[in-house]
């Protein structure tokens, strides 16, 4: 359950970062790139 809560928190943080980017395409791309890397790392962990 804790992993699910942490994943939800990270997702919400990413949404807030995108909102705060206010249309800065470079910043939005960076946020999405970092978020994608995190998701890939989480999904490839041996505990998945």
Protein backbone atom coordinates (compact mmCIF):
# COMPACT_ATOMS: atom_id res chain seq x y z
CA UNK A 1 0.00 0.00 0.00
CA UNK A 2 2.84 2.36 0.84
CA UNK A 3 4.32 1.93 -2.67
CA UNK A 4 0.96 2.87 -4.18
CA UNK A 5 0.78 5.99 -2.00
CA UNK A 6 4.33 6.98 -2.96
CA UNK A 7 3.54 6.46 -6.66
CA UNK A 8 0.42 8.63 -6.31
CA UNK A 9 2.43 11.34 -4.55
CA UNK A 10 5.09 11.32 -7.27
CA UNK A 11 2.40 11.54 -9.95
CA UNK A 12 0.77 14.50 -8.23
CA UNK A 13 4.14 16.23 -7.86
CA UNK A 14 4.71 15.81 -11.60
CA UNK A 15 1.30 17.32 -12.35
CA UNK A 16 2.07 20.35 -10.16
CA UNK A 17 5.46 20.80 -11.84
CA UNK A 18 3.77 20.81 -15.26
CA UNK A 19 1.18 23.34 -14.08
CA UNK A 20 3.92 25.56 -12.64
CA UNK A 21 5.88 25.38 -15.91
CA UNK A 22 3.13 27.61 -17.40
CA UNK A 23 3.73 26.72 -21.03
CA UNK A 24 7.55 26.64 -20.94
CA UNK A 25 7.98 23.83 -23.48
CA UNK A 26 11.60 23.15 -22.52
CA UNK A 27 10.73 22.81 -18.85
CA UNK A 28 7.70 20.62 -19.60
CA UNK A 29 9.81 18.33 -21.80
CA UNK A 30 12.40 18.03 -19.01
CA UNK A 31 9.71 17.16 -16.45
CA UNK A 32 8.25 14.51 -18.75
CA UNK A 33 11.70 13.12 -19.56
CA UNK A 34 12.56 12.81 -15.87
CA UNK A 35 9.17 11.30 -15.07
CA UNK A 36 9.54 8.71 -17.83
CA UNK A 37 12.98 7.71 -16.57
CA UNK A 38 11.59 7.27 -13.06
CA UNK A 39 8.71 5.13 -14.32
CA UNK A 40 11.03 2.91 -16.36
CA UNK A 41 13.35 2.45 -13.38
CA UNK A 42 10.43 1.58 -11.09
CA UNK A 43 8.98 -0.93 -13.55
CA UNK A 44 12.30 -2.67 -14.07
CA UNK A 45 13.02 -3.17 -10.37
CA UNK A 46 13.19 -6.79 -9.17
CA UNK A 47 10.37 -6.15 -6.67
CA UNK A 48 7.79 -5.37 -9.40
